[in-house]
Amino acid sequence: AVSSLAAQAKKTLTLDFGLVNASGNSDFTSVNFGEKASW
């Protein structure tokens, strides 16, 4: 469905890059990557 609609629809794309600090089941400092796309 994405492929069908993407050809003619209005598109947006957002990318996230950053540092991560977490506590709980994991205690660490690391990196993260996120991606969001919409049509």
Full PDB file with SEQRES, HELIX, SHEET, SSBOND, CRYST1, ORIGX, SCALE, CONECT and MASTER records, all heavy atoms in Angstrom:
SEQRES   1 A   39  ALA VAL SER SER LEU ALA ALA GLN ALA LYS LYS THR LEU          
SEQRES   2 A   39  THR LEU ASP PHE GLY LEU VAL ASN ALA SER GLY ASN SER          
SEQRES   3 A   39  ASP PHE THR SER VAL ASN PHE GLY GLU LYS ALA SER TRP          
HELIX    1 AA1 VAL A    2  ALA A    6  1                                   5    
SHEET    1 AA1 2 THR A  12  ALA A  22  0                                        
SHEET    2 AA1 2 PHE A  28  SER A  38 -1                                        
CRYST1    1.000    1.000    1.000  90.00  90.00  90.00 P 1           1          
ORIGX1      1.000000  0.000000  0.000000        0.00000                         
ORIGX2      0.000000  1.000000  0.000000        0.00000                         
ORIGX3      0.000000  0.000000  1.000000        0.00000                         
SCALE1      1.000000  0.000000  0.000000        0.00000                         
SCALE2      0.000000  1.000000  0.000000        0.00000                         
SCALE3      0.000000  0.000000  1.000000        0.00000                         
ATOM      1  N   ALA A   1       0.831  -1.204   0.000  1.00  0.00           N  
ATOM      2  CA  ALA A   1       0.000   0.000   0.000  1.00  0.00           C  
ATOM      3  C   ALA A   1       0.860   1.247   0.000  1.00  0.00           C  
ATOM      4  O   ALA A   1       0.546   2.238  -0.659  1.00  0.00           O  
ATOM      5  CB  ALA A   1      -0.931  -0.011   1.209  1.00  0.00           C  
ATOM      6  N   VAL A   2       1.953   1.212   0.758  1.00  0.00           N  
ATOM      7  CA  VAL A   2       2.886   2.342   0.771  1.00  0.00           C  
ATOM      8  C   VAL A   2       3.420   2.606  -0.625  1.00  0.00           C  
ATOM      9  O   VAL A   2       3.448   3.740  -1.107  1.00  0.00           O  
ATOM     10  CB  VAL A   2       4.051   2.076   1.744  1.00  0.00           C  
ATOM     11  CG1 VAL A   2       5.135   3.123   1.572  1.00  0.00           C  
ATOM     12  CG2 VAL A   2       3.549   2.075   3.178  1.00  0.00           C  
ATOM     13  N   SER A   3       3.853   1.556  -1.308  1.00  0.00           N  
ATOM     14  CA  SER A   3       4.426   1.712  -2.650  1.00  0.00           C  
ATOM     15  C   SER A   3       3.409   2.281  -3.618  1.00  0.00           C  
ATOM     16  O   SER A   3       3.726   3.111  -4.471  1.00  0.00           O  
ATOM     17  CB  SER A   3       4.932   0.351  -3.151  1.00  0.00           C  
ATOM     18  OG  SER A   3       5.927  -0.149  -2.296  1.00  0.00           O  
ATOM     19  N   SER A   4       2.145   1.849  -3.486  1.00  0.00           N  
ATOM     20  CA  SER A   4       1.098   2.310  -4.390  1.00  0.00           C  
ATOM     21  C   SER A   4       0.787   3.784  -4.187  1.00  0.00           C  
ATOM     22  O   SER A   4       0.648   4.548  -5.136  1.00  0.00           O  
ATOM     23  CB  SER A   4      -0.160   1.466  -4.188  1.00  0.00           C  
ATOM     24  OG  SER A   4      -1.223   1.946  -4.988  1.00  0.00           O  
ATOM     25  N   LEU A   5       0.685   4.208  -2.923  1.00  0.00           N  
ATOM     26  CA  LEU A   5       0.323   5.586  -2.638  1.00  0.00           C  
ATOM     27  C   LEU A   5       1.489   6.542  -2.811  1.00  0.00           C  
ATOM     28  O   LEU A   5       1.310   7.694  -3.208  1.00  0.00           O  
ATOM     29  CB  LEU A   5      -0.212   5.693  -1.214  1.00  0.00           C  
ATOM     30  CG  LEU A   5      -0.755   7.056  -0.766  1.00  0.00           C  
ATOM     31  CD1 LEU A   5      -1.917   7.486  -1.644  1.00  0.00           C  
ATOM     32  CD2 LEU A   5      -1.172   7.012   0.688  1.00  0.00           C  
ATOM     33  N   ALA A   6       2.710   6.073  -2.545  1.00  0.00           N  
ATOM     34  CA  ALA A   6       3.871   6.959  -2.529  1.00  0.00           C  
ATOM     35  C   ALA A   6       4.152   7.601  -3.872  1.00  0.00           C  
ATOM     36  O   ALA A   6       4.727   8.678  -3.948  1.00  0.00           O  
ATOM     37  CB  ALA A   6       5.102   6.188  -2.056  1.00  0.00           C  
ATOM     38  N   ALA A   7       3.749   6.942  -4.953  1.00  0.00           N  
ATOM     39  CA  ALA A   7       4.084   7.442  -6.280  1.00  0.00           C  
ATOM     40  C   ALA A   7       3.473   8.817  -6.554  1.00  0.00           C  
ATOM     41  O   ALA A   7       4.056   9.634  -7.261  1.00  0.00           O  
ATOM     42  CB  ALA A   7       3.626   6.437  -7.331  1.00  0.00           C  
ATOM     43  N   GLN A   8       2.272   9.097  -5.987  1.00  0.00           N  
ATOM     44  CA  GLN A   8       1.591  10.339  -6.313  1.00  0.00           C  
ATOM     45  C   GLN A   8       1.284  11.202  -5.096  1.00  0.00           C  
ATOM     46  O   GLN A   8       0.773  12.311  -5.252  1.00  0.00           O  
ATOM     47  CB  GLN A   8       0.272  10.022  -7.047  1.00  0.00           C  
ATOM     48  CG  GLN A   8       0.469   9.251  -8.354  1.00  0.00           C  
ATOM     49  CD  GLN A   8      -0.852   8.889  -8.991  1.00  0.00           C  
ATOM     50  OE1 GLN A   8      -1.881   8.833  -8.337  1.00  0.00           O  
ATOM     51  NE2 GLN A   8      -0.829   8.644 -10.290  1.00  0.00           N  
ATOM     52  N   ALA A   9       1.581  10.743  -3.892  1.00  0.00           N  
ATOM     53  CA  ALA A   9       1.156  11.444  -2.689  1.00  0.00           C  
ATOM     54  C   ALA A   9       2.182  12.466  -2.229  1.00  0.00           C  
ATOM     55  O   ALA A   9       3.338  12.459  -2.623  1.00  0.00           O  
ATOM     56  CB  ALA A   9       0.901  10.435  -1.574  1.00  0.00           C  
ATOM     57  N   LYS A  10       1.730  13.357  -1.353  1.00  0.00           N  
ATOM     58  CA  LYS A  10       2.605  14.296  -0.674  1.00  0.00           C  
ATOM     59  C   LYS A  10       3.453  13.535   0.328  1.00  0.00           C  
ATOM     60  O   LYS A  10       2.945  12.746   1.116  1.00  0.00           O  
ATOM     61  CB  LYS A  10       1.769  15.350   0.051  1.00  0.00           C  
ATOM     62  CG  LYS A  10       2.582  16.319   0.875  1.00  0.00           C  
ATOM     63  CD  LYS A  10       1.674  17.270   1.637  1.00  0.00           C  
ATOM     64  CE  LYS A  10       2.475  18.178   2.547  1.00  0.00           C  
ATOM     65  NZ  LYS A  10       1.585  19.081   3.329  1.00  0.00           N  
ATOM     66  N   LYS A  11       4.775  13.773   0.320  1.00  0.00           N  
ATOM     67  CA  LYS A  11       5.688  12.962   1.117  1.00  0.00           C  
ATOM     68  C   LYS A  11       6.436  13.830   2.128  1.00  0.00           C  
ATOM     69  O   LYS A  11       6.761  14.971   1.859  1.00  0.00           O  
ATOM     70  CB  LYS A  11       6.702  12.249   0.226  1.00  0.00           C  
ATOM     71  CG  LYS A  11       6.122  11.534  -0.974  1.00  0.00           C  
ATOM     72  CD  LYS A  11       7.215  10.979  -1.858  1.00  0.00           C  
ATOM     73  CE  LYS A  11       6.670  10.390  -3.141  1.00  0.00           C  
ATOM     74  NZ  LYS A  11       6.115  11.425  -4.042  1.00  0.00           N  
ATOM     75  N   THR A  12       6.728  13.238   3.291  1.00  0.00           N  
ATOM     76  CA  THR A  12       7.612  13.868   4.278  1.00  0.00           C  
ATOM     77  C   THR A  12       8.535  12.797   4.844  1.00  0.00           C  
ATOM     78  O   THR A  12       8.157  11.622   4.945  1.00  0.00           O  
ATOM     79  CB  THR A  12       6.824  14.511   5.432  1.00  0.00           C  
ATOM     80  OG1 THR A  12       6.080  13.497   6.123  1.00  0.00           O  
ATOM     81  CG2 THR A  12       5.873  15.583   4.921  1.00  0.00           C  
ATOM     82  N   LEU A  13       9.741  13.211   5.199  1.00  0.00           N  
ATOM     83  CA  LEU A  13      10.722  12.292   5.768  1.00  0.00           C  
ATOM     84  C   LEU A  13      11.497  13.020   6.852  1.00  0.00           C  
ATOM     85  O   LEU A  13      11.980  14.135   6.638  1.00  0.00           O  
ATOM     86  CB  LEU A  13      11.679  11.771   4.694  1.00  0.00           C  
ATOM     87  CG  LEU A  13      12.855  10.912   5.175  1.00  0.00           C  
ATOM     88  CD1 LEU A  13      12.357   9.615   5.802  1.00  0.00           C  
ATOM     89  CD2 LEU A  13      13.819  10.614   4.037  1.00  0.00           C  
ATOM     90  N   THR A  14      11.614  12.395   8.022  1.00  0.00           N  
ATOM     91  CA  THR A  14      12.358  12.966   9.134  1.00  0.00           C  
ATOM     92  C   THR A  14      13.335  11.933   9.673  1.00  0.00           C  
ATOM     93  O   THR A  14      12.969  10.768   9.875  1.00  0.00           O  
ATOM     94  CB  THR A  14      11.410  13.390  10.273  1.00  0.00           C  
ATOM     95  OG1 THR A  14      10.450  14.323   9.761  1.00  0.00           O  
ATOM     96  CG2 THR A  14      12.189  14.047  11.405  1.00  0.00           C  
ATOM     97  N   LEU A  15      14.578  12.347   9.898  1.00  0.00           N  
ATOM     98  CA  LEU A  15      15.614  11.473  10.442  1.00  0.00           C  
ATOM     99  C   LEU A  15      16.106  12.046  11.768  1.00  0.00           C  
ATOM    100  O   LEU A  15      16.291  13.260  11.896  1.00  0.00           O  
ATOM    101  CB  LEU A  15      16.787  11.348   9.470  1.00  0.00           C  
ATOM    102  CG  LEU A  15      16.473  10.803   8.080  1.00  0.00           C  
ATOM    103  CD1 LEU A  15      17.741  10.774   7.230  1.00  0.00           C  
ATOM    104  CD2 LEU A  15      15.859   9.408   8.155  1.00  0.00           C  
ATOM    105  N   ASP A  16      16.315  11.169  12.758  1.00  0.00           N  
ATOM    106  CA  ASP A  16      16.824  11.570  14.068  1.00  0.00           C  
ATOM    107  C   ASP A  16      18.139  10.860  14.356  1.00  0.00           C  
ATOM    108  O   ASP A  16      18.248   9.648  14.140  1.00  0.00           O  
ATOM    109  CB  ASP A  16      15.827  11.211  15.179  1.00  0.00           C  
ATOM    110  CG  ASP A  16      14.534  11.989  15.067  1.00  0.00           C  
ATOM    111  OD1 ASP A  16      14.598  13.199  14.805  1.00  0.00           O  
ATOM    112  OD2 ASP A  16      13.452  11.391  15.234  1.00  0.00           O  
ATOM    113  N   PHE A  17      19.108  11.609  14.838  1.00  0.00           N  
ATOM    114  CA  PHE A  17      20.391  11.050  15.254  1.00  0.00           C  
ATOM    115  C   PHE A  17      20.709  11.613  16.634  1.00  0.00           C  
ATOM    116  O   PHE A  17      20.525  12.806  16.857  1.00  0.00           O  
ATOM    117  CB  PHE A  17      21.517  11.437  14.293  1.00  0.00           C  
ATOM    118  CG  PHE A  17      21.224  11.160  12.848  1.00  0.00           C  
ATOM    119  CD1 PHE A  17      20.576  12.115  12.073  1.00  0.00           C  
ATOM    120  CD2 PHE A  17      21.583   9.958  12.277  1.00  0.00           C  
ATOM    121  CE1 PHE A  17      20.305  11.875  10.731  1.00  0.00           C  
ATOM    122  CE2 PHE A  17      21.306   9.711  10.937  1.00  0.00           C  
ATOM    123  CZ  PHE A  17      20.667  10.665  10.168  1.00  0.00           C  
ATOM    124  N   GLY A  18      21.201  10.775  17.536  1.00  0.00           N  
ATOM    125  CA  GLY A  18      21.522  11.345  18.835  1.00  0.00           C  
ATOM    126  C   GLY A  18      22.175  10.400  19.808  1.00  0.00           C  
ATOM    127  O   GLY A  18      22.495   9.250  19.484  1.00  0.00           O  
ATOM    128  N   LEU A  19      22.380  10.921  21.019  1.00  0.00           N  
ATOM    129  CA  LEU A  19      22.937  10.166  22.129  1.00  0.00           C  
ATOM    130  C   LEU A  19      21.801   9.655  23.006  1.00  0.00           C  
ATOM    131  O   LEU A  19      20.745  10.272  23.088  1.00  0.00           O  
ATOM    132  CB  LEU A  19      23.872  11.045  22.953  1.00  0.00           C  
ATOM    133  CG  LEU A  19      25.096  11.584  22.241  1.00  0.00           C  
ATOM    134  CD1 LEU A  19      25.865  12.525  23.165  1.00  0.00           C  
ATOM    135  CD2 LEU A  19      25.996  10.444  21.785  1.00  0.00           C  
ATOM    136  N   VAL A  20      22.030   8.522  23.688  1.00  0.00           N  
ATOM    137  CA  VAL A  20      21.020   7.897  24.522  1.00  0.00           C  
ATOM    138  C   VAL A  20      21.578   7.640  25.905  1.00  0.00           C  
ATOM    139  O   VAL A  20      22.694   7.140  26.047  1.00  0.00           O  
ATOM    140  CB  VAL A  20      20.539   6.558  23.911  1.00  0.00           C  
ATOM    141  CG1 VAL A  20      19.492   5.920  24.800  1.00  0.00           C  
ATOM    142  CG2 VAL A  20      19.982   6.776  22.519  1.00  0.00           C  
ATOM    143  N   ASN A  21      20.794   7.967  26.924  1.00  0.00           N  
ATOM    144  CA  ASN A  21      21.105   7.583  28.296  1.00  0.00           C  
ATOM    145  C   ASN A  21      19.894   6.858  28.841  1.00  0.00           C  
ATOM    146  O   ASN A  21      18.786   7.392  28.795  1.00  0.00           O  
ATOM    147  CB  ASN A  21      21.422   8.805  29.160  1.00  0.00           C  
ATOM    148  CG  ASN A  21      21.696   8.421  30.604  1.00  0.00           C  
ATOM    149  OD1 ASN A  21      20.787   8.435  31.429  1.00  0.00           O  
ATOM    150  ND2 ASN A  21      22.929   8.074  30.898  1.00  0.00           N  
ATOM    151  N   ALA A  22      20.060   5.638  29.326  1.00  0.00           N  
ATOM    152  CA  ALA A  22      18.930   4.824  29.756  1.00  0.00           C  
ATOM    153  C   ALA A  22      19.197   4.198  31.107  1.00  0.00           C  
ATOM    154  O   ALA A  22      20.352   3.950  31.482  1.00  0.00           O  
ATOM    155  CB  ALA A  22      18.635   3.722  28.729  1.00  0.00           C  
ATOM    156  N   SER A  23      18.098   3.937  31.857  1.00  0.00           N  
ATOM    157  CA  SER A  23      18.186   3.216  33.121  1.00  0.00           C  
ATOM    158  C   SER A  23      17.013   2.259  33.212  1.00  0.00           C  
ATOM    159  O   SER A  23      15.962   2.496  32.631  1.00  0.00           O  
ATOM    160  CB  SER A  23      18.164   4.201  34.302  1.00  0.00           C  
ATOM    161  OG  SER A  23      16.943   4.914  34.337  1.00  0.00           O  
ATOM    162  N   GLY A  24      17.182   1.175  33.925  1.00  0.00           N  
ATOM    163  CA  GLY A  24      16.139   0.151  34.022  1.00  0.00           C  
ATOM    164  C   GLY A  24      16.767  -1.194  33.768  1.00  0.00           C  
ATOM    165  O   GLY A  24      17.688  -1.614  34.472  1.00  0.00           O  
ATOM    166  N   ASN A  25      16.276  -1.908  32.750  1.00  0.00           N  
ATOM    167  CA  ASN A  25      16.894  -3.179  32.392  1.00  0.00           C  
ATOM    168  C   ASN A  25      18.269  -2.966  31.766  1.00  0.00           C  
ATOM    169  O   ASN A  25      19.067  -3.899  31.689  1.00  0.00           O  
ATOM    170  CB  ASN A  25      15.989  -3.955  31.434  1.00  0.00           C  
ATOM    171  CG  ASN A  25      14.774  -4.526  32.134  1.00  0.00           C  
ATOM    172  OD1 ASN A  25      14.921  -5.293  33.076  1.00  0.00           O  
ATOM    173  ND2 ASN A  25      13.592  -4.132  31.706  1.00  0.00           N  
ATOM    174  N   SER A  26      18.530  -1.760  31.276  1.00  0.00           N  
ATOM    175  CA  SER A  26      19.842  -1.425  30.726  1.00  0.00           C  
ATOM    176  C   SER A  26      20.297  -0.090  31.304  1.00  0.00           C  
ATOM    177  O   SER A  26      19.506   0.847  31.417  1.00  0.00           O  
ATOM    178  CB  SER A  26      19.792  -1.322  29.196  1.00  0.00           C  
ATOM    179  OG  SER A  26      19.378  -2.538  28.618  1.00  0.00           O  
ATOM    180  N   ASP A  27      21.578  -0.001  31.682  1.00  0.00           N  
ATOM    181  CA  ASP A  27      22.188   1.250  32.107  1.00  0.00           C  
ATOM    182  C   ASP A  27      23.365   1.509  31.185  1.00  0.00           C  
ATOM    183  O   ASP A  27      24.364   0.789  31.249  1.00  0.00           O  
ATOM    184  CB  ASP A  27      22.661   1.164  33.563  1.00  0.00           C  
ATOM    185  CG  ASP A  27      21.485   1.032  34.524  1.00  0.00           C  
ATOM    186  OD1 ASP A  27      20.707   1.991  34.634  1.00  0.00           O  
ATOM    187  OD2 ASP A  27      21.370  -0.024  35.158  1.00  0.00           O  
ATOM    188  N   PHE A  28      23.231   2.508  30.320  1.00  0.00           N  
ATOM    189  CA  PHE A  28      24.249   2.669  29.293  1.00  0.00           C  
ATOM    190  C   PHE A  28      24.189   4.067  28.696  1.00  0.00           C  
ATOM    191  O   PHE A  28      23.222   4.807  28.877  1.00  0.00           O  
ATOM    192  CB  PHE A  28      24.054   1.638  28.179  1.00  0.00           C  
ATOM    193  CG  PHE A  28      22.750   1.822  27.434  1.00  0.00           C  
ATOM    194  CD1 PHE A  28      22.700   2.579  26.276  1.00  0.00           C  
ATOM    195  CD2 PHE A  28      21.590   1.239  27.894  1.00  0.00           C  
ATOM    196  CE1 PHE A  28      21.509   2.761  25.598  1.00  0.00           C  
ATOM    197  CE2 PHE A  28      20.389   1.409  27.216  1.00  0.00           C  
ATOM    198  CZ  PHE A  28      20.349   2.167  26.062  1.00  0.00           C  
ATOM    199  N   THR A  29      25.227   4.390  27.970  1.00  0.00           N  
ATOM    200  CA  THR A  29      25.241   5.561  27.103  1.00  0.00           C  
ATOM    201  C   THR A  29      25.598   5.068  25.714  1.00  0.00           C  
ATOM    202  O   THR A  29      26.583   4.358  25.550  1.00  0.00           O  
ATOM    203  CB  THR A  29      26.253   6.611  27.576  1.00  0.00           C  
ATOM    204  OG1 THR A  29      25.892   7.038  28.897  1.00  0.00           O  
ATOM    205  CG2 THR A  29      26.271   7.809  26.643  1.00  0.00           C  
ATOM    206  N   SER A  30      24.765   5.437  24.738  1.00  0.00           N  
ATOM    207  CA  SER A  30      24.951   4.873  23.409  1.00  0.00           C  
ATOM    208  C   SER A  30      24.443   5.868  22.360  1.00  0.00           C  
ATOM    209  O   SER A  30      24.314   7.050  22.634  1.00  0.00           O  
ATOM    210  CB  SER A  30      24.224   3.528  23.304  1.00  0.00           C  
ATOM    211  OG  SER A  30      24.499   2.907  22.072  1.00  0.00           O  
ATOM    212  N   VAL A  31      24.166   5.366  21.159  1.00  0.00           N  
ATOM    213  CA  VAL A  31      23.645   6.200  20.076  1.00  0.00           C  
ATOM    214  C   VAL A  31      22.310   5.643  19.610  1.00  0.00           C  
ATOM    215  O   VAL A  31      21.999   4.464  19.830  1.00  0.00           O  
ATOM    216  CB  VAL A  31      24.623   6.261  18.882  1.00  0.00           C  
ATOM    217  CG1 VAL A  31      25.921   6.918  19.301  1.00  0.00           C  
ATOM    218  CG2 VAL A  31      24.892   4.859  18.323  1.00  0.00           C  
ATOM    219  N   ASN A  32      21.521   6.504  18.972  1.00  0.00           N  
ATOM    220  CA  ASN A  32      20.237   6.049  18.444  1.00  0.00           C  
ATOM    221  C   ASN A  32      20.015   6.610  17.051  1.00  0.00           C  
ATOM    222  O   ASN A  32      20.601   7.612  16.654  1.00  0.00           O  
ATOM    223  CB  ASN A  32      19.087   6.476  19.365  1.00  0.00           C  
ATOM    224  CG  ASN A  32      18.714   7.924  19.155  1.00  0.00           C  
ATOM    225  OD1 ASN A  32      19.502   8.813  19.424  1.00  0.00           O  
ATOM    226  ND2 ASN A  32      17.499   8.161  18.679  1.00  0.00           N  
ATOM    227  N   PHE A  33      19.119   5.951  16.317  1.00  0.00           N  
ATOM    228  CA  PHE A  33      18.721   6.404  14.988  1.00  0.00           C  
ATOM    229  C   PHE A  33      17.218   6.215  14.859  1.00  0.00           C  
ATOM    230  O   PHE A  33      16.679   5.167  15.233  1.00  0.00           O  
ATOM    231  CB  PHE A  33      19.433   5.609  13.889  1.00  0.00           C  
ATOM    232  CG  PHE A  33      18.882   5.867  12.513  1.00  0.00           C  
ATOM    233  CD1 PHE A  33      19.186   7.050  11.842  1.00  0.00           C  
ATOM    234  CD2 PHE A  33      18.043   4.961  11.896  1.00  0.00           C  
ATOM    235  CE1 PHE A  33      18.670   7.309  10.583  1.00  0.00           C  
ATOM    236  CE2 PHE A  33      17.527   5.203  10.634  1.00  0.00           C  
ATOM    237  CZ  PHE A  33      17.840   6.377   9.969  1.00  0.00           C  
ATOM    238  N   GLY A  34      16.544   7.243  14.372  1.00  0.00           N  
ATOM    239  CA  GLY A  34      15.109   7.153  14.147  1.00  0.00           C  
ATOM    240  C   GLY A  34      14.756   7.669  12.770  1.00  0.00           C  
ATOM    241  O   GLY A  34      15.432   8.554  12.221  1.00  0.00           O  
ATOM    242  N   GLU A  35      13.695   7.122  12.212  1.00  0.00           N  
ATOM    243  CA  GLU A  35      13.250   7.509  10.870  1.00  0.00           C  
ATOM    244  C   GLU A  35      11.726   7.503  10.833  1.00  0.00           C  
ATOM    245  O   GLU A  35      11.090   6.587  11.341  1.00  0.00           O  
ATOM    246  CB  GLU A  35      13.831   6.540   9.842  1.00  0.00           C  
ATOM    247  CG  GLU A  35      13.325   6.733   8.423  1.00  0.00           C  
ATOM    248  CD  GLU A  35      12.158   5.816   8.093  1.00  0.00           C  
ATOM    249  OE1 GLU A  35      11.980   4.798   8.798  1.00  0.00           O  
ATOM    250  OE2 GLU A  35      11.414   6.122   7.140  1.00  0.00           O  
ATOM    251  N   LYS A  36      11.154   8.591  10.267  1.00  0.00           N  
ATOM    252  CA  LYS A  36       9.705   8.687  10.106  1.00  0.00           C  
ATOM    253  C   LYS A  36       9.401   9.158   8.692  1.00  0.00           C  
ATOM    254  O   LYS A  36       9.970  10.134   8.220  1.00  0.00           O  
ATOM    255  CB  LYS A  36       9.106   9.689  11.110  1.00  0.00           C  
ATOM    256  CG  LYS A  36       9.313   9.321  12.569  1.00  0.00           C  
ATOM    257  CD  LYS A  36       8.716  10.376  13.482  1.00  0.00           C  
ATOM    258  CE  LYS A  36       8.943  10.022  14.940  1.00  0.00           C  
ATOM    259  NZ  LYS A  36       8.373  11.068  15.851  1.00  0.00           N  
ATOM    260  N   ALA A  37       8.502   8.462   8.032  1.00  0.00           N  
ATOM    261  CA  ALA A  37       8.097   8.831   6.679  1.00  0.00           C  
ATOM    262  C   ALA A  37       6.577   8.792   6.591  1.00  0.00           C  
ATOM    263  O   ALA A  37       5.928   7.970   7.239  1.00  0.00           O  
ATOM    264  CB  ALA A  37       8.709   7.875   5.651  1.00  0.00           C  
ATOM    265  N   SER A  38       6.014   9.694   5.807  1.00  0.00           N  
ATOM    266  CA  SER A  38       4.560   9.707   5.654  1.00  0.00           C  
ATOM    267  C   SER A  38       4.197  10.120   4.238  1.00  0.00           C  
ATOM    268  O   SER A  38       4.948  10.843   3.566  1.00  0.00           O  
ATOM    269  CB  SER A  38       3.902  10.657   6.664  1.00  0.00           C  
ATOM    270  OG  SER A  38       4.300  11.994   6.438  1.00  0.00           O  
ATOM    271  N   TRP A  39       3.033   9.643   3.807  1.00  0.00           N  
ATOM    272  CA  TRP A  39       2.480   9.972   2.501  1.00  0.00           C  
ATOM    273  C   TRP A  39       1.013  10.326   2.702  1.00  0.00           C  
ATOM    274  O   TRP A  39       0.296   9.655   3.446  1.00  0.00           O  
ATOM    275  CB  TRP A  39       2.586   8.790   1.544  1.00  0.00           C  
ATOM    276  CG  TRP A  39       3.988   8.333   1.262  1.00  0.00           C  
ATOM    277  CD1 TRP A  39       4.761   8.662   0.176  1.00  0.00           C  
ATOM    278  CD2 TRP A  39       4.780   7.436   2.048  1.00  0.00           C  
ATOM    279  NE1 TRP A  39       5.980   8.036   0.248  1.00  0.00           N  
ATOM    280  CE2 TRP A  39       6.022   7.271   1.393  1.00  0.00           C  
ATOM    281  CE3 TRP A  39       4.563   6.755   3.245  1.00  0.00           C  
ATOM    282  CZ2 TRP A  39       7.035   6.466   1.893  1.00  0.00           C  
ATOM    283  CZ3 TRP A  39       5.569   5.954   3.753  1.00  0.00           C  
ATOM    284  CH2 TRP A  39       6.780   5.813   3.071  1.00  0.00           C  
TER     285      TRP A  39                                                      
MASTER        0    0    0    1    2    0    0    6  284    1    0    3          
END                                                                             
